[in-house]
Amino acid sequence: MKRDRSLRTLFLVRASQGVAPFKPRLNGEQLECLKRGARGITLRFEKSELVDVLVAAGYAEKGLAGVITVTAAGLEYLKTHAD
């Protein structure tokens, strides 16, 4: 039996549309670091591992001289994981 290729392609496109991008869940120390950054407290002197996780997850951006800016995704994470 010959399968219709266009139906298979349509199925694959629809299946991929429902997949959300993976965002890691932050531990307590990382979450506190993100909260401080959102309040405008500099994160330049934090452990680089903490900052690297926030940047890699898309929750923060690293600017000039190591200044960290919390992204919209980071603010959304804080809203959904507020204490």
PDB file of N, CA and C in Angstrom:
ATOM      1  N   MET A   1       0.840  -1.172   0.000  1.00  0.00           N
ATOM      2  CA  MET A   1       0.000   0.000   0.000  1.00  0.00           C
ATOM      3  C   MET A   1       0.892   1.244   0.000  1.00  0.00           C
ATOM      4  N   LYS A   2       0.628   2.158  -0.884  1.00  0.00           N
ATOM      5  CA  LYS A   2       1.411   3.376  -1.021  1.00  0.00           C
ATOM      6  C   LYS A   2       0.819   4.483  -0.133  1.00  0.00           C
ATOM      7  N   ARG A   3       1.672   5.103   0.677  1.00  0.00           N
ATOM      8  CA  ARG A   3       1.196   6.161   1.574  1.00  0.00           C
ATOM      9  C   ARG A   3       1.349   7.517   0.922  1.00  0.00           C
ATOM     10  N   ASP A   4       0.451   8.388   1.243  1.00  0.00           N
ATOM     11  CA  ASP A   4       0.494   9.739   0.708  1.00  0.00           C
ATOM     12  C   ASP A   4       1.564  10.539   1.472  1.00  0.00           C
ATOM     13  N   ARG A   5       2.582  10.966   0.775  1.00  0.00           N
ATOM     14  CA  ARG A   5       3.715  11.664   1.387  1.00  0.00           C
ATOM     15  C   ARG A   5       3.294  13.004   2.000  1.00  0.00           C
ATOM     16  N   SER A   6       2.363  13.699   1.388  1.00  0.00           N
ATOM     17  CA  SER A   6       1.946  15.002   1.905  1.00  0.00           C
ATOM     18  C   SER A   6       1.259  14.870   3.257  1.00  0.00           C
ATOM     19  N   LEU A   7       0.508  13.807   3.483  1.00  0.00           N
ATOM     20  CA  LEU A   7      -0.128  13.604   4.784  1.00  0.00           C
ATOM     21  C   LEU A   7       0.908  13.342   5.864  1.00  0.00           C
ATOM     22  N   ARG A   8       1.928  12.592   5.524  1.00  0.00           N
ATOM     23  CA  ARG A   8       2.981  12.307   6.497  1.00  0.00           C
ATOM     24  C   ARG A   8       3.731  13.590   6.858  1.00  0.00           C
ATOM     25  N   THR A   9       4.022  14.419   5.888  1.00  0.00           N
ATOM     26  CA  THR A   9       4.707  15.683   6.137  1.00  0.00           C
ATOM     27  C   THR A   9       3.849  16.585   7.016  1.00  0.00           C
ATOM     28  N   LEU A  10       2.560  16.646   6.739  1.00  0.00           N
ATOM     29  CA  LEU A  10       1.650  17.455   7.534  1.00  0.00           C
ATOM     30  C   LEU A  10       1.633  16.964   8.976  1.00  0.00           C
ATOM     31  N   PHE A  11       1.611  15.664   9.177  1.00  0.00           N
ATOM     32  CA  PHE A  11       1.627  15.108  10.515  1.00  0.00           C
ATOM     33  C   PHE A  11       2.903  15.499  11.254  1.00  0.00           C
ATOM     34  N   LEU A  12       4.036  15.420  10.594  1.00  0.00           N
ATOM     35  CA  LEU A  12       5.309  15.766  11.225  1.00  0.00           C
ATOM     36  C   LEU A  12       5.368  17.243  11.597  1.00  0.00           C
ATOM     37  N   VAL A  13       4.837  18.095  10.743  1.00  0.00           N
ATOM     38  CA  VAL A  13       4.829  19.532  11.029  1.00  0.00           C
ATOM     39  C   VAL A  13       3.955  19.811  12.241  1.00  0.00           C
ATOM     40  N   ARG A  14       2.781  19.230  12.284  1.00  0.00           N
ATOM     41  CA  ARG A  14       1.880  19.453  13.418  1.00  0.00           C
ATOM     42  C   ARG A  14       2.450  18.874  14.703  1.00  0.00           C
ATOM     43  N   ALA A  15       3.100  17.753  14.636  1.00  0.00           N
ATOM     44  CA  ALA A  15       3.689  17.148  15.828  1.00  0.00           C
ATOM     45  C   ALA A  15       4.799  18.028  16.386  1.00  0.00           C
ATOM     46  N   SER A  16       5.598  18.631  15.526  1.00  0.00           N
ATOM     47  CA  SER A  16       6.701  19.462  15.998  1.00  0.00           C
ATOM     48  C   SER A  16       6.218  20.798  16.537  1.00  0.00           C
ATOM     49  N   GLN A  17       5.054  21.260  16.130  1.00  0.00           N
ATOM     50  CA  GLN A  17       4.536  22.535  16.618  1.00  0.00           C
ATOM     51  C   GLN A  17       4.150  22.461  18.088  1.00  0.00           C
ATOM     52  N   GLY A  18       3.794  21.290  18.564  1.00  0.00           N
ATOM     53  CA  GLY A  18       3.363  21.147  19.940  1.00  0.00           C
ATOM     54  C   GLY A  18       4.487  20.984  20.936  1.00  0.00           C
ATOM     55  N   VAL A  19       5.710  20.913  20.483  1.00  0.00           N
ATOM     56  CA  VAL A  19       6.845  20.707  21.377  1.00  0.00           C
ATOM     57  C   VAL A  19       7.332  22.050  21.886  1.00  0.00           C
ATOM     58  N   ALA A  20       7.336  22.203  23.205  1.00  0.00           N
ATOM     59  CA  ALA A  20       7.806  23.438  23.812  1.00  0.00           C
ATOM     60  C   ALA A  20       9.320  23.369  23.993  1.00  0.00           C
ATOM     61  N   PRO A  21       9.996  24.510  23.893  1.00  0.00           N
ATOM     62  CA  PRO A  21      11.436  24.503  24.115  1.00  0.00           C
ATOM     63  C   PRO A  21      11.737  24.145  25.566  1.00  0.00           C
ATOM     64  N   PHE A  22      12.823  23.414  25.766  1.00  0.00           N
ATOM     65  CA  PHE A  22      13.202  22.977  27.105  1.00  0.00           C
ATOM     66  C   PHE A  22      13.836  24.117  27.875  1.00  0.00           C
ATOM     67  N   LYS A  23      13.343  24.356  29.055  1.00  0.00           N
ATOM     68  CA  LYS A  23      13.932  25.337  29.962  1.00  0.00           C
ATOM     69  C   LYS A  23      14.180  24.635  31.286  1.00  0.00           C
ATOM     70  N   PRO A  24      15.403  24.661  31.764  1.00  0.00           N
ATOM     71  CA  PRO A  24      15.697  23.944  33.006  1.00  0.00           C
ATOM     72  C   PRO A  24      15.052  24.614  34.218  1.00  0.00           C
ATOM     73  N   ARG A  25      14.741  23.810  35.210  1.00  0.00           N
ATOM     74  CA  ARG A  25      14.226  24.322  36.473  1.00  0.00           C
ATOM     75  C   ARG A  25      15.425  24.730  37.324  1.00  0.00           C
ATOM     76  N   LEU A  26      15.372  25.913  37.875  1.00  0.00           N
ATOM     77  CA  LEU A  26      16.485  26.432  38.655  1.00  0.00           C
ATOM     78  C   LEU A  26      16.430  25.910  40.086  1.00  0.00           C
ATOM     79  N   ASN A  27      17.606  25.693  40.680  1.00  0.00           N
ATOM     80  CA  ASN A  27      17.643  25.325  42.094  1.00  0.00           C
ATOM     81  C   ASN A  27      17.514  26.600  42.929  1.00  0.00           C
ATOM     82  N   GLY A  28      17.477  26.461  44.230  1.00  0.00           N
ATOM     83  CA  GLY A  28      17.250  27.600  45.115  1.00  0.00           C
ATOM     84  C   GLY A  28      18.284  28.705  44.968  1.00  0.00           C
ATOM     85  N   GLU A  29      19.534  28.333  44.874  1.00  0.00           N
ATOM     86  CA  GLU A  29      20.612  29.318  44.750  1.00  0.00           C
ATOM     87  C   GLU A  29      20.530  30.068  43.416  1.00  0.00           C
ATOM     88  N   GLN A  30      20.221  29.347  42.346  1.00  0.00           N
ATOM     89  CA  GLN A  30      20.088  29.971  41.026  1.00  0.00           C
ATOM     90  C   GLN A  30      18.875  30.895  40.992  1.00  0.00           C
ATOM     91  N   LEU A  31      17.772  30.458  41.599  1.00  0.00           N
ATOM     92  CA  LEU A  31      16.561  31.273  41.643  1.00  0.00           C
ATOM     93  C   LEU A  31      16.805  32.555  42.421  1.00  0.00           C
ATOM     94  N   GLU A  32      17.504  32.457  43.546  1.00  0.00           N
ATOM     95  CA  GLU A  32      17.810  33.650  44.329  1.00  0.00           C
ATOM     96  C   GLU A  32      18.689  34.613  43.542  1.00  0.00           C
ATOM     97  N   CYS A  33      19.618  34.087  42.790  1.00  0.00           N
ATOM     98  CA  CYS A  33      20.488  34.908  41.943  1.00  0.00           C
ATOM     99  C   CYS A  33      19.652  35.631  40.880  1.00  0.00           C
ATOM    100  N   LEU A  34      18.711  34.933  40.275  1.00  0.00           N
ATOM    101  CA  LEU A  34      17.828  35.534  39.269  1.00  0.00           C
ATOM    102  C   LEU A  34      16.959  36.616  39.903  1.00  0.00           C
ATOM    103  N   LYS A  35      16.459  36.385  41.106  1.00  0.00           N
ATOM    104  CA  LYS A  35      15.648  37.391  41.810  1.00  0.00           C
ATOM    105  C   LYS A  35      16.450  38.653  42.072  1.00  0.00           C
ATOM    106  N   ARG A  36      17.704  38.484  42.520  1.00  0.00           N
ATOM    107  CA  ARG A  36      18.550  39.655  42.773  1.00  0.00           C
ATOM    108  C   ARG A  36      18.801  40.432  41.489  1.00  0.00           C
ATOM    109  N   GLY A  37      19.030  39.719  40.411  1.00  0.00           N
ATOM    110  CA  GLY A  37      19.240  40.383  39.129  1.00  0.00           C
ATOM    111  C   GLY A  37      18.007  41.156  38.676  1.00  0.00           C
ATOM    112  N   ALA A  38      16.826  40.600  38.909  1.00  0.00           N
ATOM    113  CA  ALA A  38      15.582  41.267  38.525  1.00  0.00           C
ATOM    114  C   ALA A  38      15.336  42.518  39.351  1.00  0.00           C
ATOM    115  N   ARG A  39      15.857  42.536  40.584  1.00  0.00           N
ATOM    116  CA  ARG A  39      15.715  43.725  41.434  1.00  0.00           C
ATOM    117  C   ARG A  39      16.780  44.781  41.121  1.00  0.00           C
ATOM    118  N   GLY A  40      17.646  44.486  40.164  1.00  0.00           N
ATOM    119  CA  GLY A  40      18.665  45.447  39.759  1.00  0.00           C
ATOM    120  C   GLY A  40      19.970  45.316  40.515  1.00  0.00           C
ATOM    121  N   ILE A  41      20.094  44.291  41.336  1.00  0.00           N
ATOM    122  CA  ILE A  41      21.336  44.063  42.083  1.00  0.00           C
ATOM    123  C   ILE A  41      22.340  43.404  41.143  1.00  0.00           C
ATOM    124  N   THR A  42      23.537  43.922  41.108  1.00  0.00           N
ATOM    125  CA  THR A  42      24.548  43.404  40.191  1.00  0.00           C
ATOM    126  C   THR A  42      24.912  41.958  40.508  1.00  0.00           C
ATOM    127  N   LEU A  43      25.122  41.201  39.472  1.00  0.00           N
ATOM    128  CA  LEU A  43      25.507  39.798  39.617  1.00  0.00           C
ATOM    129  C   LEU A  43      26.943  39.557  39.165  1.00  0.00           C
ATOM    130  N   ARG A  44      27.695  40.633  38.978  1.00  0.00           N
ATOM    131  CA  ARG A  44      29.061  40.494  38.479  1.00  0.00           C
ATOM    132  C   ARG A  44      29.948  39.687  39.410  1.00  0.00           C
ATOM    133  N   PHE A  45      29.648  39.706  40.686  1.00  0.00           N
ATOM    134  CA  PHE A  45      30.532  39.057  41.647  1.00  0.00           C
ATOM    135  C   PHE A  45      29.984  37.711  42.113  1.00  0.00           C
ATOM    136  N   GLU A  46      28.926  37.242  41.478  1.00  0.00           N
ATOM    137  CA  GLU A  46      28.381  35.920  41.785  1.00  0.00           C
ATOM    138  C   GLU A  46      29.287  34.848  41.196  1.00  0.00           C
ATOM    139  N   LYS A  47      29.103  33.611  41.650  1.00  0.00           N
ATOM    140  CA  LYS A  47      29.848  32.501  41.079  1.00  0.00           C
ATOM    141  C   LYS A  47      29.523  32.411  39.595  1.00  0.00           C
ATOM    142  N   SER A  48      30.529  32.233  38.778  1.00  0.00           N
ATOM    143  CA  SER A  48      30.312  32.210  37.329  1.00  0.00           C
ATOM    144  C   SER A  48      29.393  31.064  36.921  1.00  0.00           C
ATOM    145  N   GLU A  49      29.395  29.953  37.685  1.00  0.00           N
ATOM    146  CA  GLU A  49      28.527  28.815  37.354  1.00  0.00           C
ATOM    147  C   GLU A  49      27.060  29.207  37.450  1.00  0.00           C
ATOM    148  N   LEU A  50      26.718  30.021  38.447  1.00  0.00           N
ATOM    149  CA  LEU A  50      25.327  30.469  38.608  1.00  0.00           C
ATOM    150  C   LEU A  50      24.896  31.335  37.427  1.00  0.00           C
ATOM    151  N   VAL A  51      25.737  32.280  37.101  1.00  0.00           N
ATOM    152  CA  VAL A  51      25.425  33.198  36.009  1.00  0.00           C
ATOM    153  C   VAL A  51      25.367  32.447  34.681  1.00  0.00           C
ATOM    154  N   ASP A  52      26.286  31.511  34.474  1.00  0.00           N
ATOM    155  CA  ASP A  52      26.310  30.745  33.223  1.00  0.00           C
ATOM    156  C   ASP A  52      25.025  29.951  33.019  1.00  0.00           C
ATOM    157  N   VAL A  53      24.466  29.395  34.091  1.00  0.00           N
ATOM    158  CA  VAL A  53      23.209  28.650  33.991  1.00  0.00           C
ATOM    159  C   VAL A  53      22.075  29.582  33.580  1.00  0.00           C
ATOM    160  N   LEU A  54      22.014  30.759  34.178  1.00  0.00           N
ATOM    161  CA  LEU A  54      20.953  31.717  33.847  1.00  0.00           C
ATOM    162  C   LEU A  54      21.047  32.174  32.399  1.00  0.00           C
ATOM    163  N   VAL A  55      22.255  32.404  31.939  1.00  0.00           N
ATOM    164  CA  VAL A  55      22.463  32.838  30.550  1.00  0.00           C
ATOM    165  C   VAL A  55      22.137  31.702  29.582  1.00  0.00           C
ATOM    166  N   ALA A  56      22.608  30.498  29.883  1.00  0.00           N
ATOM    167  CA  ALA A  56      22.374  29.353  29.004  1.00  0.00           C
ATOM    168  C   ALA A  56      20.882  29.029  28.887  1.00  0.00           C
ATOM    169  N   ALA A  57      20.138  29.232  29.961  1.00  0.00           N
ATOM    170  CA  ALA A  57      18.699  28.949  29.949  1.00  0.00           C
ATOM    171  C   ALA A  57      17.907  30.055  29.267  1.00  0.00           C
ATOM    172  N   GLY A  58      18.550  31.185  29.010  1.00  0.00           N
ATOM    173  CA  GLY A  58      17.853  32.302  28.374  1.00  0.00           C
ATOM    174  C   GLY A  58      17.152  33.206  29.367  1.00  0.00           C
ATOM    175  N   TYR A  59      17.415  33.020  30.663  1.00  0.00           N
ATOM    176  CA  TYR A  59      16.790  33.834  31.691  1.00  0.00           C
ATOM    177  C   TYR A  59      17.532  35.145  31.933  1.00  0.00           C
ATOM    178  N   ALA A  60      18.759  35.237  31.437  1.00  0.00           N
ATOM    179  CA  ALA A  60      19.560  36.443  31.608  1.00  0.00           C
ATOM    180  C   ALA A  60      20.500  36.582  30.418  1.00  0.00           C
ATOM    181  N   GLU A  61      20.955  37.821  30.217  1.00  0.00           N
ATOM    182  CA  GLU A  61      21.932  38.105  29.163  1.00  0.00           C
ATOM    183  C   GLU A  61      23.143  38.760  29.810  1.00  0.00           C
ATOM    184  N   LYS A  62      24.306  38.391  29.328  1.00  0.00           N
ATOM    185  CA  LYS A  62      25.539  38.968  29.849  1.00  0.00           C
ATOM    186  C   LYS A  62      25.951  40.111  28.946  1.00  0.00           C
ATOM    187  N   GLY A  63      26.141  41.274  29.547  1.00  0.00           N
ATOM    188  CA  GLY A  63      26.526  42.457  28.787  1.00  0.00           C
ATOM    189  C   GLY A  63      27.974  42.825  29.030  1.00  0.00           C
ATOM    190  N   LEU A  64      28.278  44.089  28.793  1.00  0.00           N
ATOM    191  CA  LEU A  64      29.633  44.600  28.982  1.00  0.00           C
ATOM    192  C   LEU A  64      30.059  44.506  30.436  1.00  0.00           C
ATOM    193  N   ALA A  65      31.305  44.211  30.650  1.00  0.00           N
ATOM    194  CA  ALA A  65      31.921  44.120  31.977  1.00  0.00           C
ATOM    195  C   ALA A  65      31.205  43.128  32.878  1.00  0.00           C
ATOM    196  N   GLY A  66      30.566  42.132  32.280  1.00  0.00           N
ATOM    197  CA  GLY A  66      29.914  41.087  33.062  1.00  0.00           C
ATOM    198  C   GLY A  66      28.592  41.483  33.686  1.00  0.00           C
ATOM    199  N   VAL A  67      28.039  42.625  33.272  1.00  0.00           N
ATOM    200  CA  VAL A  67      26.748  43.065  33.805  1.00  0.00           C
ATOM    201  C   VAL A  67      25.656  42.147  33.258  1.00  0.00           C
ATOM    202  N   ILE A  68      24.789  41.685  34.150  1.00  0.00           N
ATOM    203  CA  ILE A  68      23.737  40.740  33.792  1.00  0.00           C
ATOM    204  C   ILE A  68      22.394  41.468  33.722  1.00  0.00           C
ATOM    205  N   THR A  69      21.647  41.208  32.663  1.00  0.00           N
ATOM    206  CA  THR A  69      20.295  41.747  32.506  1.00  0.00           C
ATOM    207  C   THR A  69      19.330  40.579  32.450  1.00  0.00           C
ATOM    208  N   VAL A  70      18.299  40.620  33.281  1.00  0.00           N
ATOM    209  CA  VAL A  70      17.283  39.573  33.283  1.00  0.00           C
ATOM    210  C   VAL A  70      16.400  39.769  32.055  1.00  0.00           C
ATOM    211  N   THR A  71      16.158  38.697  31.317  1.00  0.00           N
ATOM    212  CA  THR A  71      15.347  38.754  30.094  1.00  0.00           C
ATOM    213  C   THR A  71      13.869  38.616  30.432  1.00  0.00           C
ATOM    214  N   ALA A  72      13.025  38.770  29.419  1.00  0.00           N
ATOM    215  CA  ALA A  72      11.587  38.573  29.587  1.00  0.00           C
ATOM    216  C   ALA A  72      11.290  37.146  30.034  1.00  0.00           C
ATOM    217  N   ALA A  73      12.047  36.181  29.508  1.00  0.00           N
ATOM    218  CA  ALA A  73      11.869  34.788  29.922  1.00  0.00           C
ATOM    219  C   ALA A  73      12.222  34.617  31.400  1.00  0.00           C
ATOM    220  N   GLY A  74      13.235  35.331  31.854  1.00  0.00           N
ATOM    221  CA  GLY A  74      13.614  35.274  33.263  1.00  0.00           C
ATOM    222  C   GLY A  74      12.548  35.866  34.164  1.00  0.00           C
ATOM    223  N   LEU A  75      11.963  36.974  33.731  1.00  0.00           N
ATOM    224  CA  LEU A  75      10.882  37.591  34.507  1.00  0.00           C
ATOM    225  C   LEU A  75       9.660  36.679  34.545  1.00  0.00           C
ATOM    226  N   GLU A  76       9.369  36.027  33.429  1.00  0.00           N
ATOM    227  CA  GLU A  76       8.242  35.088  33.375  1.00  0.00           C
ATOM    228  C   GLU A  76       8.499  33.899  34.309  1.00  0.00           C
ATOM    229  N   TYR A  77       9.724  33.430  34.342  1.00  0.00           N
ATOM    230  CA  TYR A  77      10.081  32.317  35.242  1.00  0.00           C
ATOM    231  C   TYR A  77       9.845  32.737  36.683  1.00  0.00           C
ATOM    232  N   LEU A  78      10.247  33.963  37.028  1.00  0.00           N
ATOM    233  CA  LEU A  78      10.059  34.439  38.389  1.00  0.00           C
ATOM    234  C   LEU A  78       8.572  34.535  38.743  1.00  0.00           C
ATOM    235  N   LYS A  79       7.746  34.955  37.797  1.00  0.00           N
ATOM    236  CA  LYS A  79       6.297  35.033  38.046  1.00  0.00           C
ATOM    237  C   LYS A  79       5.701  33.667  38.344  1.00  0.00           C
ATOM    238  N   THR A  80       6.137  32.668  37.599  1.00  0.00           N
ATOM    239  CA  THR A  80       5.551  31.331  37.756  1.00  0.00           C
ATOM    240  C   THR A  80       6.153  30.551  38.914  1.00  0.00           C
ATOM    241  N   HIS A  81       7.309  30.990  39.419  1.00  0.00           N
ATOM    242  CA  HIS A  81       7.964  30.280  40.504  1.00  0.00           C
ATOM    243  C   HIS A  81       8.127  31.164  41.734  1.00  0.00           C
ATOM    244  N   ALA A  82       7.222  32.122  41.904  1.00  0.00           N
ATOM    245  CA  ALA A  82       7.291  33.018  43.051  1.00  0.00           C
ATOM    246  C   ALA A  82       6.946  32.274  44.330  1.00  0.00           C
ATOM    247  N   ASP A  83       7.597  32.683  45.407  1.00  0.00           N
ATOM    248  CA  ASP A  83       7.334  32.045  46.719  1.00  0.00           C
ATOM    249  C   ASP A  83       6.019  32.507  47.291  1.00  0.00           C
TER     250      ASP A  83
END
